[in-house]
């Protein structure tokens, strides 16, 4: 996948109307596995909470072990939607490490 197309989709998500944002999200969801590193970098650099949630959802859709640390990092955050997508991302990973992170977060009372 082209980096140019990725950048265009991210720009549409930031500046486009509802339809353009939905189209860009759909494109990125379809190709999330090809853009995992880029999505993680965009998530880490983004300050808008709504866009961060969408980006974390896309990272979860990629189901990549590369995302393990980003999900772990959101488990103890104060932002409920980000924590939701972190849990969902770990569930979707379904690896031993992801299950351990979920078990630990539950034992610490971070998630129910």
Protein backbone atom coordinates (compact mmCIF):
# COMPACT_ATOMS: atom_id res chain seq x y z
CA UNK A 1 0.00 0.00 0.00
CA UNK A 2 1.15 3.48 -0.76
CA UNK A 3 2.20 5.85 1.99
CA UNK A 4 0.61 8.62 -0.05
CA UNK A 5 -2.80 6.95 0.13
CA UNK A 6 -2.37 6.44 3.87
CA UNK A 7 -1.50 10.11 4.37
CA UNK A 8 -4.53 11.18 2.32
CA UNK A 9 -6.82 8.99 4.41
CA UNK A 10 -5.42 10.38 7.67
CA UNK A 11 -5.88 13.92 6.35
CA UNK A 12 -9.50 13.12 5.44
CA UNK A 13 -10.10 11.79 8.93
CA UNK A 14 -8.75 15.01 10.43
CA UNK A 15 -10.33 17.57 8.14
CA UNK A 16 -13.08 15.92 6.14
CA UNK A 17 -16.79 15.95 6.82
CA UNK A 18 -18.61 12.96 8.24
CA UNK A 19 -18.81 11.16 4.89
CA UNK A 20 -15.17 11.72 4.01
CA UNK A 21 -14.11 10.65 7.51
CA UNK A 22 -16.16 7.46 7.23
CA UNK A 23 -14.72 6.68 3.79
CA UNK A 24 -11.17 7.23 5.03
CA UNK A 25 -11.82 5.09 8.10
CA UNK A 26 -13.23 2.29 5.93
CA UNK A 27 -10.19 2.41 3.65
CA UNK A 28 -7.82 2.28 6.60
CA UNK A 29 -9.77 -0.52 8.29
CA UNK A 30 -9.55 -2.59 5.12
CA UNK A 31 -5.77 -2.06 4.98
CA UNK A 32 -4.96 -1.73 8.70
CA UNK A 33 -2.62 -4.72 8.69
CA UNK A 34 -0.47 -3.02 6.04
CA UNK A 35 -0.24 0.23 8.02
CA UNK A 36 0.21 -0.92 11.61
CA UNK A 37 3.39 1.05 12.31
CA UNK A 38 1.96 4.17 10.68
CA UNK A 39 -1.31 3.90 12.61
CA UNK A 40 0.57 3.49 15.89
CA UNK A 41 2.73 6.52 15.10
CA UNK A 42 -0.35 8.60 14.24
CA UNK A 43 -2.05 7.46 17.46
CA UNK A 44 0.94 8.43 19.58
CA UNK A 45 1.22 11.86 17.92
CA UNK A 46 -2.51 12.69 17.95
CA UNK A 47 -4.03 14.92 20.62
CA UNK A 48 -7.71 14.82 19.56
CA UNK A 49 -9.38 12.17 21.73
CA UNK A 50 -12.03 11.23 19.15
CA UNK A 51 -9.42 10.68 16.46
CA UNK A 52 -7.22 8.76 18.90
CA UNK A 53 -10.15 6.39 19.53
CA UNK A 54 -10.61 5.82 15.81
CA UNK A 55 -6.90 5.23 15.34
CA UNK A 56 -6.77 2.77 18.24
CA UNK A 57 -9.76 0.96 16.77
CA UNK A 58 -7.87 0.69 13.47
CA UNK A 59 -4.80 -0.63 15.27
CA UNK A 60 -7.02 -3.24 16.92
CA UNK A 61 -8.42 -4.23 13.53
CA UNK A 62 -4.88 -4.94 12.33
CA UNK A 63 -4.51 -7.71 14.94
CA UNK A 64 -0.76 -7.22 15.00
CA UNK A 65 1.55 -8.22 17.85
CA UNK A 66 3.32 -4.90 17.19
CA UNK A 67 0.40 -3.23 18.96
CA UNK A 68 0.74 -5.11 22.26
CA UNK A 69 2.55 -2.28 24.05
CA UNK A 70 0.19 0.42 22.79
CA UNK A 71 -2.78 -1.54 24.13
CA UNK A 72 -1.07 -2.23 27.45
CA UNK A 73 -0.33 1.47 27.78
CA UNK A 74 -4.00 2.41 27.47
CA UNK A 75 -5.35 -0.07 30.04
CA UNK A 76 -4.70 2.19 33.00
CA UNK A 77 -5.62 5.44 31.26
CA UNK A 78 -8.44 7.71 32.38
CA UNK A 79 -10.10 7.80 28.97
CA UNK A 80 -12.80 5.10 28.92
CA UNK A 81 -13.13 4.82 25.09
CA UNK A 82 -9.38 4.34 24.71
CA UNK A 83 -9.39 1.72 27.46
CA UNK A 84 -12.30 -0.02 25.69
CA UNK A 85 -10.32 -0.24 22.42
CA UNK A 86 -7.21 -1.35 24.29
CA UNK A 87 -9.17 -4.24 25.82
CA UNK A 88 -10.79 -5.03 22.49
CA UNK A 89 -7.41 -4.92 20.75
CA UNK A 90 -5.90 -7.33 23.25
CA UNK A 91 -8.89 -9.65 22.88
CA UNK A 92 -8.52 -9.54 19.10
CA UNK A 93 -4.79 -10.30 19.35
CA UNK A 94 -5.62 -13.44 21.31
CA UNK A 95 -2.00 -14.24 22.13
CA UNK A 96 -0.59 -15.53 25.40
CA UNK A 97 0.93 -12.09 26.07
CA UNK A 98 -2.35 -10.31 25.31
CA UNK A 99 -4.28 -12.62 27.64
CA UNK A 100 -1.69 -12.06 30.37
CA UNK A 101 -2.04 -8.28 29.98
CA UNK A 102 -5.82 -8.58 30.30
CA UNK A 103 -5.56 -10.88 33.32
CA UNK A 104 -3.12 -8.51 35.03
CA UNK A 105 -5.29 -5.46 34.31
CA UNK A 106 -8.31 -7.27 35.72
CA UNK A 107 -6.39 -8.37 38.81
CA UNK A 108 -5.29 -4.75 39.37
CA UNK A 109 -8.88 -3.55 39.03
CA UNK A 110 -8.20 -1.55 35.88
CA UNK A 111 -10.85 -3.40 33.91
CA UNK A 112 -13.85 -5.48 34.89
